Amino acid sequence: SDSLRCIDICIGAICSYYNEQLISFL
């Protein structure tokens, strides 16, 4: 469960990076 939660956190951070980069490029 802890490892899967860490995976959730990592994928969330990756998604946030994509959102920030999309805004920055625009």
PDB file of all heavy atoms in Angstrom:
ATOM      1  N   SER A   1       0.823  -1.208   0.000  1.00  0.00           N
ATOM      2  CA  SER A   1       0.000   0.000   0.000  1.00  0.00           C
ATOM      3  C   SER A   1       0.855   1.255   0.000  1.00  0.00           C
ATOM      4  O   SER A   1       0.595   2.204  -0.748  1.00  0.00           O
ATOM      5  CB  SER A   1      -0.934  -0.008   1.218  1.00  0.00           C
ATOM      6  OG  SER A   1      -1.709   1.175   1.272  1.00  0.00           O
ATOM      7  N   ASP A   2       1.907   1.280   0.837  1.00  0.00           N
ATOM      8  CA  ASP A   2       2.794   2.446   0.897  1.00  0.00           C
ATOM      9  C   ASP A   2       3.481   2.685  -0.443  1.00  0.00           C
ATOM     10  O   ASP A   2       3.607   3.834  -0.899  1.00  0.00           O
ATOM     11  CB  ASP A   2       3.856   2.247   1.985  1.00  0.00           C
ATOM     12  CG  ASP A   2       3.283   2.373   3.384  1.00  0.00           C
ATOM     13  OD1 ASP A   2       2.158   2.893   3.524  1.00  0.00           O
ATOM     14  OD2 ASP A   2       3.957   1.940   4.344  1.00  0.00           O
ATOM     15  N   SER A   3       3.943   1.615  -1.087  1.00  0.00           N
ATOM     16  CA  SER A   3       4.621   1.756  -2.380  1.00  0.00           C
ATOM     17  C   SER A   3       3.661   2.264  -3.447  1.00  0.00           C
ATOM     18  O   SER A   3       4.017   3.121  -4.264  1.00  0.00           O
ATOM     19  CB  SER A   3       5.226   0.417  -2.805  1.00  0.00           C
ATOM     20  OG  SER A   3       6.243   0.009  -1.913  1.00  0.00           O
ATOM     21  N   LEU A   4       2.435   1.743  -3.439  1.00  0.00           N
ATOM     22  CA  LEU A   4       1.443   2.211  -4.401  1.00  0.00           C
ATOM     23  C   LEU A   4       1.088   3.675  -4.157  1.00  0.00           C
ATOM     24  O   LEU A   4       0.870   4.441  -5.105  1.00  0.00           O
ATOM     25  CB  LEU A   4       0.180   1.347  -4.318  1.00  0.00           C
ATOM     26  CG  LEU A   4       0.333  -0.110  -4.772  1.00  0.00           C
ATOM     27  CD1 LEU A   4      -0.953  -0.881  -4.513  1.00  0.00           C
ATOM     28  CD2 LEU A   4       0.719  -0.196  -6.249  1.00  0.00           C
ATOM     29  N   ARG A   5       1.054   4.083  -2.885  1.00  0.00           N
ATOM     30  CA  ARG A   5       0.780   5.497  -2.591  1.00  0.00           C
ATOM     31  C   ARG A   5       1.914   6.386  -3.093  1.00  0.00           C
ATOM     32  O   ARG A   5       1.684   7.487  -3.603  1.00  0.00           O
ATOM     33  CB  ARG A   5       0.566   5.700  -1.084  1.00  0.00           C
ATOM     34  CG  ARG A   5      -0.071   7.050  -0.765  1.00  0.00           C
ATOM     35  CD  ARG A   5      -0.434   7.153   0.708  1.00  0.00           C
ATOM     36  NE  ARG A   5      -1.277   6.072   1.161  1.00  0.00           N
ATOM     37  CZ  ARG A   5      -2.579   5.987   0.917  1.00  0.00           C
ATOM     38  NH1 ARG A   5      -3.175   6.911   0.195  1.00  0.00           N
ATOM     39  NH2 ARG A   5      -3.273   4.959   1.384  1.00  0.00           N
ATOM     40  N   CYS A   6       3.144   5.915  -2.967  1.00  0.00           N
ATOM     41  CA  CYS A   6       4.282   6.671  -3.494  1.00  0.00           C
ATOM     42  C   CYS A   6       4.202   6.795  -5.011  1.00  0.00           C
ATOM     43  O   CYS A   6       4.556   7.828  -5.586  1.00  0.00           O
ATOM     44  CB  CYS A   6       5.598   6.008  -3.092  1.00  0.00           C
ATOM     45  SG  CYS A   6       6.012   6.174  -1.342  1.00  0.00           S
ATOM     46  N   ILE A   7       3.724   5.732  -5.674  1.00  0.00           N
ATOM     47  CA  ILE A   7       3.521   5.791  -7.118  1.00  0.00           C
ATOM     48  C   ILE A   7       2.463   6.843  -7.452  1.00  0.00           C
ATOM     49  O   ILE A   7       2.615   7.619  -8.405  1.00  0.00           O
ATOM     50  CB  ILE A   7       3.106   4.408  -7.659  1.00  0.00           C
ATOM     51  CG1 ILE A   7       4.269   3.416  -7.527  1.00  0.00           C
ATOM     52  CG2 ILE A   7       2.669   4.501  -9.118  1.00  0.00           C
ATOM     53  CD1 ILE A   7       3.911   1.991  -7.908  1.00  0.00           C
ATOM     54  N   ASP A   8       1.382   6.890  -6.661  1.00  0.00           N
ATOM     55  CA  ASP A   8       0.353   7.923  -6.842  1.00  0.00           C
ATOM     56  C   ASP A   8       0.970   9.316  -6.758  1.00  0.00           C
ATOM     57  O   ASP A   8       0.664  10.197  -7.570  1.00  0.00           O
ATOM     58  CB  ASP A   8      -0.735   7.802  -5.771  1.00  0.00           C
ATOM     59  CG  ASP A   8      -1.567   6.537  -5.882  1.00  0.00           C
ATOM     60  OD1 ASP A   8      -1.610   5.955  -6.980  1.00  0.00           O
ATOM     61  OD2 ASP A   8      -2.165   6.132  -4.873  1.00  0.00           O
ATOM     62  N   ILE A   9       1.820   9.522  -5.752  1.00  0.00           N
ATOM     63  CA  ILE A   9       2.442  10.829  -5.540  1.00  0.00           C
ATOM     64  C   ILE A   9       3.346  11.185  -6.712  1.00  0.00           C
ATOM     65  O   ILE A   9       3.353  12.327  -7.200  1.00  0.00           O
ATOM     66  CB  ILE A   9       3.228  10.842  -4.220  1.00  0.00           C
ATOM     67  CG1 ILE A   9       2.263  10.730  -3.032  1.00  0.00           C
ATOM     68  CG2 ILE A   9       4.072  12.107  -4.093  1.00  0.00           C
ATOM     69  CD1 ILE A   9       2.945  10.480  -1.703  1.00  0.00           C
ATOM     70  N   CYS A  10       4.115  10.205  -7.204  1.00  0.00           N
ATOM     71  CA  CYS A  10       5.018  10.452  -8.335  1.00  0.00           C
ATOM     72  C   CYS A  10       4.241  10.819  -9.597  1.00  0.00           C
ATOM     73  O   CYS A  10       4.601  11.770 -10.299  1.00  0.00           O
ATOM     74  CB  CYS A  10       5.885   9.226  -8.604  1.00  0.00           C
ATOM     75  SG  CYS A  10       7.164   8.924  -7.369  1.00  0.00           S
ATOM     76  N   ILE A  11       3.179  10.081  -9.886  1.00  0.00           N
ATOM     77  CA  ILE A  11       2.406  10.371 -11.095  1.00  0.00           C
ATOM     78  C   ILE A  11       1.725  11.729 -10.963  1.00  0.00           C
ATOM     79  O   ILE A  11       1.604  12.482 -11.940  1.00  0.00           O
ATOM     80  CB  ILE A  11       1.379   9.256 -11.396  1.00  0.00           C
ATOM     81  CG1 ILE A  11       0.908   9.331 -12.862  1.00  0.00           C
ATOM     82  CG2 ILE A  11       0.185   9.322 -10.473  1.00  0.00           C
ATOM     83  CD1 ILE A  11       1.924   8.874 -13.853  1.00  0.00           C
ATOM     84  N   GLY A  12       1.314  12.095  -9.739  1.00  0.00           N
ATOM     85  CA  GLY A  12       0.734  13.413  -9.520  1.00  0.00           C
ATOM     86  C   GLY A  12       1.741  14.522  -9.780  1.00  0.00           C
ATOM     87  O   GLY A  12       1.419  15.539 -10.409  1.00  0.00           O
ATOM     88  N   ALA A  13       2.979  14.324  -9.310  1.00  0.00           N
ATOM     89  CA  ALA A  13       4.024  15.321  -9.528  1.00  0.00           C
ATOM     90  C   ALA A  13       4.380  15.437 -11.008  1.00  0.00           C
ATOM     91  O   ALA A  13       4.641  16.534 -11.516  1.00  0.00           O
ATOM     92  CB  ALA A  13       5.265  14.957  -8.723  1.00  0.00           C
ATOM     93  N   ILE A  14       4.391  14.327 -11.720  1.00  0.00           N
ATOM     94  CA  ILE A  14       4.674  14.334 -13.159  1.00  0.00           C
ATOM     95  C   ILE A  14       3.569  15.092 -13.903  1.00  0.00           C
ATOM     96  O   ILE A  14       3.842  15.903 -14.797  1.00  0.00           O
ATOM     97  CB  ILE A  14       4.822  12.895 -13.683  1.00  0.00           C
ATOM     98  CG1 ILE A  14       6.089  12.259 -13.109  1.00  0.00           C
ATOM     99  CG2 ILE A  14       4.867  12.871 -15.205  1.00  0.00           C
ATOM    100  CD1 ILE A  14       6.198  10.757 -13.345  1.00  0.00           C
ATOM    101  N   CYS A  15       2.312  14.852 -13.518  1.00  0.00           N
ATOM    102  CA  CYS A  15       1.195  15.578 -14.127  1.00  0.00           C
ATOM    103  C   CYS A  15       1.298  17.077 -13.850  1.00  0.00           C
ATOM    104  O   CYS A  15       1.018  17.902 -14.747  1.00  0.00           O
ATOM    105  CB  CYS A  15      -0.133  15.040 -13.596  1.00  0.00           C
ATOM    106  SG  CYS A  15      -0.607  13.417 -14.233  1.00  0.00           S
ATOM    107  N   SER A  16       1.675  17.441 -12.627  1.00  0.00           N
ATOM    108  CA  SER A  16       1.806  18.858 -12.279  1.00  0.00           C
ATOM    109  C   SER A  16       2.904  19.520 -13.096  1.00  0.00           C
ATOM    110  O   SER A  16       2.769  20.672 -13.536  1.00  0.00           O
ATOM    111  CB  SER A  16       2.113  19.006 -10.783  1.00  0.00           C
ATOM    112  OG  SER A  16       1.002  18.606  -9.998  1.00  0.00           O
ATOM    113  N   TYR A  17       4.008  18.804 -13.317  1.00  0.00           N
ATOM    114  CA  TYR A  17       5.093  19.323 -14.161  1.00  0.00           C
ATOM    115  C   TYR A  17       4.568  19.595 -15.571  1.00  0.00           C
ATOM    116  O   TYR A  17       4.843  20.653 -16.162  1.00  0.00           O
ATOM    117  CB  TYR A  17       6.241  18.322 -14.210  1.00  0.00           C
ATOM    118  CG  TYR A  17       7.215  18.548 -15.354  1.00  0.00           C
ATOM    119  CD1 TYR A  17       8.256  19.464 -15.233  1.00  0.00           C
ATOM    120  CD2 TYR A  17       7.074  17.851 -16.556  1.00  0.00           C
ATOM    121  CE1 TYR A  17       9.139  19.677 -16.279  1.00  0.00           C
ATOM    122  CE2 TYR A  17       7.953  18.056 -17.605  1.00  0.00           C
ATOM    123  CZ  TYR A  17       8.981  18.961 -17.469  1.00  0.00           C
ATOM    124  OH  TYR A  17       9.856  19.181 -18.511  1.00  0.00           O
ATOM    125  N   TYR A  18       3.808  18.673 -16.124  1.00  0.00           N
ATOM    126  CA  TYR A  18       3.267  18.853 -17.475  1.00  0.00           C
ATOM    127  C   TYR A  18       2.370  20.088 -17.528  1.00  0.00           C
ATOM    128  O   TYR A  18       2.420  20.882 -18.480  1.00  0.00           O
ATOM    129  CB  TYR A  18       2.486  17.602 -17.892  1.00  0.00           C
ATOM    130  CG  TYR A  18       3.273  16.659 -18.755  1.00  0.00           C
ATOM    131  CD1 TYR A  18       4.427  16.044 -18.264  1.00  0.00           C
ATOM    132  CD2 TYR A  18       2.898  16.381 -20.061  1.00  0.00           C
ATOM    133  CE1 TYR A  18       5.165  15.172 -19.043  1.00  0.00           C
ATOM    134  CE2 TYR A  18       3.630  15.511 -20.858  1.00  0.00           C
ATOM    135  CZ  TYR A  18       4.763  14.907 -20.346  1.00  0.00           C
ATOM    136  OH  TYR A  18       5.497  14.053 -21.124  1.00  0.00           O
ATOM    137  N   ASN A  19       1.524  20.249 -16.502  1.00  0.00           N
ATOM    138  CA  ASN A  19       0.643  21.407 -16.463  1.00  0.00           C
ATOM    139  C   ASN A  19       1.440  22.706 -16.380  1.00  0.00           C
ATOM    140  O   ASN A  19       1.148  23.681 -17.091  1.00  0.00           O
ATOM    141  CB  ASN A  19      -0.306  21.285 -15.269  1.00  0.00           C
ATOM    142  CG  ASN A  19      -1.235  22.469 -15.134  1.00  0.00           C
ATOM    143  OD1 ASN A  19      -1.036  23.317 -14.264  1.00  0.00           O
ATOM    144  ND2 ASN A  19      -2.243  22.548 -15.979  1.00  0.00           N
ATOM    145  N   GLU A  20       2.457  22.738 -15.536  1.00  0.00           N
ATOM    146  CA  GLU A  20       3.293  23.941 -15.393  1.00  0.00           C
ATOM    147  C   GLU A  20       4.026  24.258 -16.684  1.00  0.00           C
ATOM    148  O   GLU A  20       4.143  25.431 -17.085  1.00  0.00           O
ATOM    149  CB  GLU A  20       4.296  23.736 -14.256  1.00  0.00           C
ATOM    150  CG  GLU A  20       3.645  23.699 -12.882  1.00  0.00           C
ATOM    151  CD  GLU A  20       4.551  23.116 -11.817  1.00  0.00           C
ATOM    152  OE1 GLU A  20       5.714  22.771 -12.164  1.00  0.00           O
ATOM    153  OE2 GLU A  20       4.118  22.990 -10.672  1.00  0.00           O
ATOM    154  N   GLN A  21       4.541  23.219 -17.361  1.00  0.00           N
ATOM    155  CA  GLN A  21       5.253  23.443 -18.618  1.00  0.00           C
ATOM    156  C   GLN A  21       4.312  23.921 -19.719  1.00  0.00           C
ATOM    157  O   GLN A  21       4.673  24.795 -20.519  1.00  0.00           O
ATOM    158  CB  GLN A  21       5.960  22.164 -19.054  1.00  0.00           C
ATOM    159  CG  GLN A  21       7.149  21.784 -18.187  1.00  0.00           C
ATOM    160  CD  GLN A  21       8.212  22.869 -18.176  1.00  0.00           C
ATOM    161  OE1 GLN A  21       8.778  23.209 -19.209  1.00  0.00           O
ATOM    162  NE2 GLN A  21       8.477  23.418 -17.002  1.00  0.00           N
ATOM    163  N   LEU A  22       3.111  23.367 -19.755  1.00  0.00           N
ATOM    164  CA  LEU A  22       2.140  23.806 -20.756  1.00  0.00           C
ATOM    165  C   LEU A  22       1.807  25.283 -20.563  1.00  0.00           C
ATOM    166  O   LEU A  22       1.790  26.064 -21.530  1.00  0.00           O
ATOM    167  CB  LEU A  22       0.875  22.956 -20.656  1.00  0.00           C
ATOM    168  CG  LEU A  22      -0.274  23.297 -21.611  1.00  0.00           C
ATOM    169  CD1 LEU A  22       0.185  23.265 -23.064  1.00  0.00           C
ATOM    170  CD2 LEU A  22      -1.447  22.337 -21.393  1.00  0.00           C
ATOM    171  N   ILE A  23       1.581  25.686 -19.312  1.00  0.00           N
ATOM    172  CA  ILE A  23       1.303  27.101 -19.028  1.00  0.00           C
ATOM    173  C   ILE A  23       2.508  27.966 -19.401  1.00  0.00           C
ATOM    174  O   ILE A  23       2.362  29.014 -20.045  1.00  0.00           O
ATOM    175  CB  ILE A  23       0.950  27.284 -17.542  1.00  0.00           C
ATOM    176  CG1 ILE A  23      -0.381  26.603 -17.220  1.00  0.00           C
ATOM    177  CG2 ILE A  23       0.872  28.768 -17.182  1.00  0.00           C
ATOM    178  CD1 ILE A  23      -0.721  26.580 -15.738  1.00  0.00           C
ATOM    179  N   SER A  24       3.710  27.530 -19.022  1.00  0.00           N
ATOM    180  CA  SER A  24       4.922  28.296 -19.304  1.00  0.00           C
ATOM    181  C   SER A  24       5.127  28.487 -20.804  1.00  0.00           C
ATOM    182  O   SER A  24       5.459  29.582 -21.270  1.00  0.00           O
ATOM    183  CB  SER A  24       6.138  27.590 -18.694  1.00  0.00           C
ATOM    184  OG  SER A  24       7.341  28.246 -19.036  1.00  0.00           O
ATOM    185  N   PHE A  25       4.936  27.424 -21.577  1.00  0.00           N
ATOM    186  CA  PHE A  25       5.125  27.522 -23.035  1.00  0.00           C
ATOM    187  C   PHE A  25       4.111  28.488 -23.642  1.00  0.00           C
ATOM    188  O   PHE A  25       4.440  29.254 -24.561  1.00  0.00           O
ATOM    189  CB  PHE A  25       4.984  26.140 -23.678  1.00  0.00           C
ATOM    190  CG  PHE A  25       6.268  25.354 -23.725  1.00  0.00           C
ATOM    191  CD1 PHE A  25       7.033  25.159 -22.581  1.00  0.00           C
ATOM    192  CD2 PHE A  25       6.720  24.805 -24.911  1.00  0.00           C
ATOM    193  CE1 PHE A  25       8.216  24.438 -22.617  1.00  0.00           C
ATOM    194  CE2 PHE A  25       7.894  24.084 -24.972  1.00  0.00           C
ATOM    195  CZ  PHE A  25       8.655  23.892 -23.817  1.00  0.00           C
ATOM    196  N   LEU A  26       2.878  28.467 -23.133  1.00  0.00           N
ATOM    197  CA  LEU A  26       1.855  29.363 -23.656  1.00  0.00           C
ATOM    198  C   LEU A  26       2.141  30.812 -23.255  1.00  0.00           C
ATOM    199  O   LEU A  26       1.953  31.738 -24.058  1.00  0.00           O
ATOM    200  CB  LEU A  26       0.475  28.937 -23.161  1.00  0.00           C
ATOM    201  CG  LEU A  26      -0.023  27.569 -23.648  1.00  0.00           C
ATOM    202  CD1 LEU A  26      -1.399  27.263 -23.053  1.00  0.00           C
ATOM    203  CD2 LEU A  26      -0.077  27.506 -25.165  1.00  0.00           C
TER     204      LEU A  26
END
